[in-house]
Amino acid sequence: MSSPWYRDGLRFACTRCGGCCRGEPGYVWVREIEIASIARFLKLDVTEFTATYLRRTLRDYALIEMANGDCVFWSPGGCRIYDVRPVQCRTFPFWYEYLRSAQAWAEAARRCPGVNHGRLYLPPEIDHLAELTDL
């Protein structure tokens, strides 16, 4: 088995800029345990939270987004649920789409000022984070 291209590790530190939260449509998947956690954080019951903030897809539940593509929880002050954000958000940019090559990682760096800065993540941790996101 060959070493991944990131065998020396990758640096990342979230700057809370919102670049991964704004401006383009997509899916932020949420698991049942995350739904309960976010609802509790917002002081809502799960039913009210689900009706207000989630959309049902063929696959599962995802956070709704604003008409401009921003996450429903993005605000000018940052993520309103940062401390309880979904795993998908917690593991950015260590997603398979950005780990497949150095060029893909460079694309993540163009999108996010925290990529290639901050703490060094080593391959076992990077792989673990990617696996967490692979719903």
N, C-alpha and C. Protein backbone atom coordinates (compact mmCIF):
# COMPACT_ATOMS: atom_id res chain seq x y z
N MET A 1 0.85 -1.18 0.00
CA MET A 1 0.00 0.00 0.00
C MET A 1 0.89 1.24 0.00
N SER A 2 0.65 2.14 -0.91
CA SER A 2 1.48 3.33 -1.00
C SER A 2 0.98 4.41 -0.05
N SER A 3 1.88 5.30 0.30
CA SER A 3 1.53 6.41 1.19
C SER A 3 0.68 7.41 0.42
N PRO A 4 -0.23 8.08 1.12
CA PRO A 4 -1.03 9.10 0.44
C PRO A 4 -0.15 10.29 0.07
N TRP A 5 -0.60 11.09 -0.85
CA TRP A 5 0.17 12.27 -1.27
C TRP A 5 0.40 13.20 -0.09
N TYR A 6 -0.43 13.13 0.92
CA TYR A 6 -0.30 13.99 2.10
C TYR A 6 0.42 13.27 3.25
N ARG A 7 1.36 12.40 2.91
CA ARG A 7 2.05 11.59 3.91
C ARG A 7 2.77 12.41 4.98
N ASP A 8 3.11 13.67 4.67
CA ASP A 8 3.77 14.53 5.66
C ASP A 8 2.75 15.34 6.46
N GLY A 9 1.47 15.13 6.18
CA GLY A 9 0.41 15.82 6.89
C GLY A 9 -0.08 17.05 6.15
N LEU A 10 -1.13 17.62 6.68
CA LEU A 10 -1.73 18.83 6.11
C LEU A 10 -2.06 19.78 7.24
N ARG A 11 -1.93 21.06 6.95
CA ARG A 11 -2.23 22.08 7.96
C ARG A 11 -3.62 22.67 7.70
N PHE A 12 -4.30 22.94 8.82
CA PHE A 12 -5.60 23.61 8.74
C PHE A 12 -5.95 24.24 10.07
N ALA A 13 -6.53 25.43 10.00
CA ALA A 13 -7.11 26.11 11.16
C ALA A 13 -8.33 26.88 10.68
N CYS A 14 -9.47 26.59 11.24
CA CYS A 14 -10.70 27.30 10.85
C CYS A 14 -10.58 28.76 11.25
N THR A 15 -10.81 29.63 10.29
CA THR A 15 -10.77 31.08 10.55
C THR A 15 -12.17 31.62 10.81
N ARG A 16 -13.18 30.75 10.67
CA ARG A 16 -14.58 31.11 10.83
C ARG A 16 -15.02 32.18 9.84
N CYS A 17 -14.42 32.14 8.65
CA CYS A 17 -14.73 33.11 7.60
C CYS A 17 -16.08 32.85 6.93
N GLY A 18 -16.55 31.61 6.99
CA GLY A 18 -17.82 31.26 6.36
C GLY A 18 -17.70 30.86 4.91
N GLY A 19 -16.50 30.78 4.39
CA GLY A 19 -16.33 30.41 2.98
C GLY A 19 -16.94 29.06 2.63
N CYS A 20 -16.96 28.16 3.58
CA CYS A 20 -17.55 26.84 3.33
C CYS A 20 -19.03 26.82 3.67
N CYS A 21 -19.55 27.93 4.17
CA CYS A 21 -20.95 28.00 4.62
C CYS A 21 -21.83 28.85 3.70
N ARG A 22 -21.20 29.54 2.77
CA ARG A 22 -21.94 30.55 2.02
C ARG A 22 -21.77 30.41 0.52
N GLY A 23 -22.78 30.91 -0.18
CA GLY A 23 -22.67 31.21 -1.58
C GLY A 23 -22.89 30.14 -2.61
N GLU A 24 -23.02 28.90 -2.21
CA GLU A 24 -23.29 27.90 -3.22
C GLU A 24 -24.24 26.85 -2.66
N PRO A 25 -25.16 26.40 -3.47
CA PRO A 25 -26.10 25.39 -2.99
C PRO A 25 -25.41 24.06 -2.76
N GLY A 26 -26.01 23.26 -1.93
CA GLY A 26 -25.47 21.94 -1.65
C GLY A 26 -26.22 21.31 -0.50
N TYR A 27 -25.64 20.29 0.06
CA TYR A 27 -26.26 19.58 1.16
C TYR A 27 -25.33 19.56 2.35
N VAL A 28 -25.86 19.92 3.50
CA VAL A 28 -25.18 19.69 4.77
C VAL A 28 -26.03 18.65 5.48
N TRP A 29 -25.54 17.41 5.44
CA TRP A 29 -26.27 16.29 6.02
C TRP A 29 -26.21 16.36 7.53
N VAL A 30 -27.32 15.99 8.16
CA VAL A 30 -27.36 15.94 9.62
C VAL A 30 -27.88 14.58 10.06
N ARG A 31 -27.23 14.02 11.04
CA ARG A 31 -27.62 12.73 11.60
C ARG A 31 -28.59 12.96 12.75
N GLU A 32 -29.29 11.91 13.14
CA GLU A 32 -30.28 12.04 14.21
C GLU A 32 -29.68 12.62 15.49
N ILE A 33 -28.52 12.16 15.88
CA ILE A 33 -27.91 12.66 17.10
C ILE A 33 -27.55 14.14 16.97
N GLU A 34 -27.18 14.56 15.76
CA GLU A 34 -26.86 15.97 15.53
C GLU A 34 -28.14 16.81 15.57
N ILE A 35 -29.21 16.27 15.02
CA ILE A 35 -30.49 16.98 15.05
C ILE A 35 -30.88 17.27 16.50
N ALA A 36 -30.79 16.25 17.34
CA ALA A 36 -31.14 16.42 18.75
C ALA A 36 -30.22 17.43 19.44
N SER A 37 -28.94 17.35 19.14
CA SER A 37 -27.97 18.25 19.76
C SER A 37 -28.19 19.71 19.35
N ILE A 38 -28.41 19.93 18.06
CA ILE A 38 -28.63 21.30 17.57
C ILE A 38 -29.95 21.84 18.11
N ALA A 39 -30.98 21.01 18.11
CA ALA A 39 -32.29 21.45 18.64
C ALA A 39 -32.14 21.86 20.11
N ARG A 40 -31.45 21.05 20.88
CA ARG A 40 -31.23 21.36 22.30
C ARG A 40 -30.46 22.67 22.44
N PHE A 41 -29.43 22.85 21.63
CA PHE A 41 -28.62 24.08 21.66
C PHE A 41 -29.48 25.31 21.37
N LEU A 42 -30.42 25.16 20.43
CA LEU A 42 -31.30 26.27 20.05
C LEU A 42 -32.54 26.38 20.95
N LYS A 43 -32.62 25.47 21.93
CA LYS A 43 -33.77 25.44 22.86
C LYS A 43 -35.10 25.22 22.13
N LEU A 44 -35.05 24.29 21.17
CA LEU A 44 -36.24 23.90 20.41
C LEU A 44 -36.47 22.41 20.62
N ASP A 45 -37.72 21.98 20.47
CA ASP A 45 -37.91 20.53 20.46
C ASP A 45 -37.55 20.04 19.05
N VAL A 46 -37.29 18.76 18.95
CA VAL A 46 -36.82 18.18 17.69
C VAL A 46 -37.82 18.40 16.56
N THR A 47 -39.10 18.28 16.85
CA THR A 47 -40.13 18.46 15.82
C THR A 47 -40.10 19.88 15.27
N GLU A 48 -40.03 20.87 16.14
CA GLU A 48 -39.97 22.26 15.71
C GLU A 48 -38.68 22.55 14.93
N PHE A 49 -37.56 22.04 15.44
CA PHE A 49 -36.29 22.22 14.74
C PHE A 49 -36.35 21.61 13.34
N THR A 50 -36.86 20.39 13.25
CA THR A 50 -36.95 19.69 11.96
C THR A 50 -37.81 20.47 10.97
N ALA A 51 -38.95 20.95 11.43
CA ALA A 51 -39.86 21.69 10.54
C ALA A 51 -39.28 23.02 10.09
N THR A 52 -38.46 23.63 10.93
CA THR A 52 -37.93 24.97 10.64
C THR A 52 -36.62 24.96 9.88
N TYR A 53 -35.74 24.02 10.17
CA TYR A 53 -34.37 24.09 9.67
C TYR A 53 -33.91 22.93 8.78
N LEU A 54 -34.74 21.93 8.59
CA LEU A 54 -34.30 20.77 7.81
C LEU A 54 -35.15 20.54 6.58
N ARG A 55 -34.54 19.89 5.60
CA ARG A 55 -35.28 19.42 4.43
C ARG A 55 -35.04 17.92 4.32
N ARG A 56 -36.08 17.24 3.96
CA ARG A 56 -36.00 15.79 3.78
C ARG A 56 -35.57 15.54 2.34
N THR A 57 -34.61 14.67 2.17
CA THR A 57 -34.17 14.29 0.83
C THR A 57 -34.44 12.79 0.68
N LEU A 58 -34.16 12.26 -0.47
CA LEU A 58 -34.31 10.82 -0.66
C LEU A 58 -33.41 10.05 0.28
N ARG A 59 -32.28 10.67 0.62
CA ARG A 59 -31.26 10.00 1.41
C ARG A 59 -31.44 10.19 2.91
N ASP A 60 -31.72 11.39 3.34
CA ASP A 60 -31.70 11.71 4.77
C ASP A 60 -32.19 13.13 4.97
N TYR A 61 -31.79 13.74 6.08
CA TYR A 61 -32.09 15.13 6.34
C TYR A 61 -30.87 15.99 6.06
N ALA A 62 -31.13 17.21 5.58
CA ALA A 62 -30.07 18.19 5.35
C ALA A 62 -30.57 19.53 5.86
N LEU A 63 -29.63 20.38 6.24
CA LEU A 63 -29.99 21.74 6.64
C LEU A 63 -30.55 22.48 5.44
N ILE A 64 -31.53 23.33 5.68
CA ILE A 64 -32.01 24.18 4.58
C ILE A 64 -30.98 25.27 4.33
N GLU A 65 -31.11 25.93 3.21
CA GLU A 65 -30.21 27.04 2.90
C GLU A 65 -31.04 28.22 2.44
N MET A 66 -30.42 29.36 2.50
CA MET A 66 -31.08 30.59 2.08
C MET A 66 -31.11 30.63 0.55
N ALA A 67 -31.88 31.53 -0.01
CA ALA A 67 -32.00 31.64 -1.47
C ALA A 67 -30.66 31.88 -2.14
N ASN A 68 -29.73 32.54 -1.46
CA ASN A 68 -28.42 32.83 -2.04
C ASN A 68 -27.42 31.69 -1.86
N GLY A 69 -27.84 30.57 -1.28
CA GLY A 69 -26.96 29.43 -1.09
C GLY A 69 -26.30 29.38 0.28
N ASP A 70 -26.45 30.43 1.08
CA ASP A 70 -25.86 30.43 2.42
C ASP A 70 -26.58 29.43 3.32
N CYS A 71 -25.83 28.83 4.22
CA CYS A 71 -26.42 27.96 5.23
C CYS A 71 -27.39 28.78 6.08
N VAL A 72 -28.46 28.16 6.48
CA VAL A 72 -29.47 28.82 7.29
C VAL A 72 -28.89 29.32 8.62
N PHE A 73 -27.79 28.74 9.07
CA PHE A 73 -27.19 29.15 10.34
C PHE A 73 -26.04 30.13 10.20
N TRP A 74 -25.75 30.56 8.98
CA TRP A 74 -24.69 31.55 8.79
C TRP A 74 -25.26 32.94 9.10
N SER A 75 -24.50 33.74 9.80
CA SER A 75 -24.86 35.13 10.06
C SER A 75 -23.60 35.96 9.91
N PRO A 76 -23.72 37.28 9.79
CA PRO A 76 -22.52 38.11 9.68
C PRO A 76 -21.52 37.91 10.82
N GLY A 77 -22.02 37.46 11.97
CA GLY A 77 -21.13 37.19 13.11
C GLY A 77 -20.53 35.80 13.09
N GLY A 78 -20.88 34.99 12.10
CA GLY A 78 -20.36 33.63 12.00
C GLY A 78 -21.46 32.59 12.16
N CYS A 79 -21.06 31.38 12.31
CA CYS A 79 -22.00 30.26 12.44
C CYS A 79 -22.71 30.35 13.79
N ARG A 80 -24.02 30.33 13.74
CA ARG A 80 -24.81 30.43 14.97
C ARG A 80 -24.83 29.12 15.77
N ILE A 81 -24.39 28.02 15.16
CA ILE A 81 -24.38 26.73 15.87
C ILE A 81 -22.97 26.12 15.86
N TYR A 82 -21.95 26.96 15.79
CA TYR A 82 -20.57 26.48 15.62
C TYR A 82 -20.21 25.38 16.61
N ASP A 83 -20.57 25.54 17.87
CA ASP A 83 -20.18 24.56 18.89
C ASP A 83 -20.85 23.20 18.72
N VAL A 84 -21.96 23.16 17.99
CA VAL A 84 -22.69 21.90 17.78
C VAL A 84 -22.90 21.63 16.29
N ARG A 85 -22.09 22.23 15.44
CA ARG A 85 -22.26 22.06 14.00
C ARG A 85 -22.13 20.59 13.60
N PRO A 86 -22.76 20.22 12.49
CA PRO A 86 -22.71 18.82 12.04
C PRO A 86 -21.29 18.34 11.73
N VAL A 87 -21.13 17.03 11.78
CA VAL A 87 -19.84 16.41 11.47
C VAL A 87 -19.32 16.88 10.12
N GLN A 88 -20.18 16.99 9.15
CA GLN A 88 -19.76 17.43 7.82
C GLN A 88 -19.03 18.78 7.90
N CYS A 89 -19.53 19.67 8.72
CA CYS A 89 -18.91 20.98 8.89
C CYS A 89 -17.63 20.87 9.71
N ARG A 90 -17.65 20.05 10.75
CA ARG A 90 -16.48 19.88 11.63
C ARG A 90 -15.29 19.28 10.88
N THR A 91 -15.55 18.49 9.87
CA THR A 91 -14.46 17.79 9.19
C THR A 91 -13.94 18.51 7.95
N PHE A 92 -14.58 19.60 7.54
CA PHE A 92 -14.06 20.37 6.41
C PHE A 92 -12.68 20.89 6.78
N PRO A 93 -11.71 20.85 5.90
CA PRO A 93 -11.68 20.44 4.49
C PRO A 93 -11.21 19.00 4.27
N PHE A 94 -11.27 18.18 5.30
CA PHE A 94 -10.76 16.81 5.19
C PHE A 94 -11.82 15.88 4.61
N TRP A 95 -12.32 16.28 3.45
CA TRP A 95 -13.31 15.50 2.71
C TRP A 95 -12.59 14.79 1.57
N TYR A 96 -13.08 13.64 1.18
CA TYR A 96 -12.45 12.87 0.10
C TYR A 96 -12.26 13.71 -1.16
N GLU A 97 -13.21 14.57 -1.46
CA GLU A 97 -13.08 15.37 -2.69
C GLU A 97 -11.85 16.26 -2.66
N TYR A 98 -11.40 16.69 -1.50
CA TYR A 98 -10.22 17.53 -1.39
C TYR A 98 -8.95 16.74 -1.08
N LEU A 99 -9.10 15.49 -0.68
CA LEU A 99 -7.95 14.66 -0.35
C LEU A 99 -7.48 13.78 -1.50
N ARG A 100 -8.22 13.79 -2.59
CA ARG A 100 -7.88 12.87 -3.69
C ARG A 100 -6.57 13.24 -4.39
N SER A 101 -6.16 14.52 -4.30
CA SER A 101 -4.91 14.93 -4.93
C SER A 101 -4.45 16.26 -4.35
N ALA A 102 -3.18 16.57 -4.59
CA ALA A 102 -2.66 17.87 -4.16
C ALA A 102 -3.39 19.01 -4.88
N GLN A 103 -3.79 18.78 -6.12
CA GLN A 103 -4.52 19.80 -6.87
C GLN A 103 -5.90 20.05 -6.24
N ALA A 104 -6.55 18.99 -5.80
CA ALA A 104 -7.85 19.14 -5.14
C ALA A 104 -7.70 19.89 -3.82
N TRP A 105 -6.61 19.60 -3.08
CA TRP A 105 -6.34 20.32 -1.83
C TRP A 105 -6.08 21.81 -2.12
N ALA A 106 -5.39 22.09 -3.21
CA ALA A 106 -5.15 23.49 -3.61
C ALA A 106 -6.47 24.20 -3.91
N GLU A 107 -7.44 23.47 -4.45
CA GLU A 107 -8.77 24.04 -4.69
C GLU A 107 -9.43 24.40 -3.36
N ALA A 108 -9.28 23.53 -2.37
CA ALA A 108 -9.81 23.84 -1.04
C ALA A 108 -9.13 25.09 -0.48
N ALA A 109 -7.84 25.24 -0.73
CA ALA A 109 -7.10 26.41 -0.24
C ALA A 109 -7.58 27.69 -0.92
N ARG A 110 -7.99 27.60 -2.17
CA ARG A 110 -8.54 28.79 -2.84
C ARG A 110 -9.88 29.20 -2.22
N ARG A 111 -10.59 28.22 -1.72
CA ARG A 111 -11.90 28.46 -1.13
C ARG A 111 -11.82 28.89 0.33
N CYS A 112 -10.76 28.45 1.02
CA CYS A 112 -10.68 28.62 2.47
C CYS A 112 -9.32 29.13 2.91
N PRO A 113 -9.27 30.29 3.59
CA PRO A 113 -7.98 30.83 4.03
C PRO A 113 -7.32 30.04 5.16
N GLY A 114 -8.03 29.11 5.77
CA GLY A 114 -7.44 28.32 6.85
C GLY A 114 -6.67 27.10 6.36
N VAL A 115 -6.86 26.73 5.09
CA VAL A 115 -6.15 25.58 4.52
C VAL A 115 -4.68 25.96 4.34
N ASN A 116 -3.80 25.06 4.73
CA ASN A 116 -2.34 25.23 4.70
C ASN A 116 -1.83 26.15 5.80
N HIS A 117 -2.64 26.41 6.80
CA HIS A 117 -2.25 27.22 7.95
C HIS A 117 -2.68 26.50 9.22
N GLY A 118 -2.07 26.85 10.31
CA GLY A 118 -2.50 26.30 11.59
C GLY A 118 -1.90 24.95 11.90
N ARG A 119 -2.63 24.18 12.64
CA ARG A 119 -2.14 22.92 13.19
C ARG A 119 -1.90 21.89 12.10
N LEU A 120 -0.91 21.05 12.34
CA LEU A 120 -0.57 19.97 11.41
C LEU A 120 -1.38 18.73 11.76
N TYR A 121 -2.12 18.23 10.79
CA TYR A 121 -2.86 16.98 10.92
C TYR A 121 -2.07 15.90 10.20
N LEU A 122 -1.85 14.77 10.85
CA LEU A 122 -1.10 13.67 10.24
C LEU A 122 -2.05 12.70 9.55
N PRO A 123 -1.54 11.90 8.63
CA PRO A 123 -2.41 11.02 7.83
C PRO A 123 -3.44 10.19 8.59
N PRO A 124 -3.10 9.56 9.73
CA PRO A 124 -4.14 8.77 10.41
C PRO A 124 -5.35 9.62 10.84
N GLU A 125 -5.08 10.83 11.32
CA GLU A 125 -6.17 11.71 11.73
C GLU A 125 -6.94 12.23 10.52
N ILE A 126 -6.24 12.57 9.47
CA ILE A 126 -6.88 13.02 8.23
C ILE A 126 -7.81 11.94 7.70
N ASP A 127 -7.31 10.72 7.66
CA ASP A 127 -8.12 9.61 7.16
C ASP A 127 -9.34 9.38 8.04
N HIS A 128 -9.16 9.50 9.35
CA HIS A 128 -10.28 9.34 10.27
C HIS A 128 -11.35 10.41 10.04
N LEU A 129 -10.93 11.66 9.87
CA LEU A 129 -11.88 12.75 9.63
C LEU A 129 -12.63 12.53 8.32
N ALA A 130 -11.93 12.09 7.30
CA ALA A 130 -12.57 11.81 6.01
C ALA A 130 -13.60 10.69 6.16
N GLU A 131 -13.28 9.67 6.92
CA GLU A 131 -14.20 8.56 7.12
C GLU A 131 -15.45 9.00 7.88
N LEU A 132 -15.29 9.93 8.83
CA LEU A 132 -16.44 10.44 9.58
C LEU A 132 -17.44 11.12 8.67
N THR A 133 -16.94 11.78 7.65
CA THR A 133 -17.79 12.53 6.74
C THR A 133 -18.44 11.66 5.69
N ASP A 134 -17.85 10.53 5.43
CA ASP A 134 -18.38 9.64 4.40
C ASP A 134 -19.65 8.96 4.91
N LEU A 135 -20.75 9.70 4.77
CA LEU A 135 -22.03 9.18 5.27
C LEU A 135 -22.47 8.08 4.35
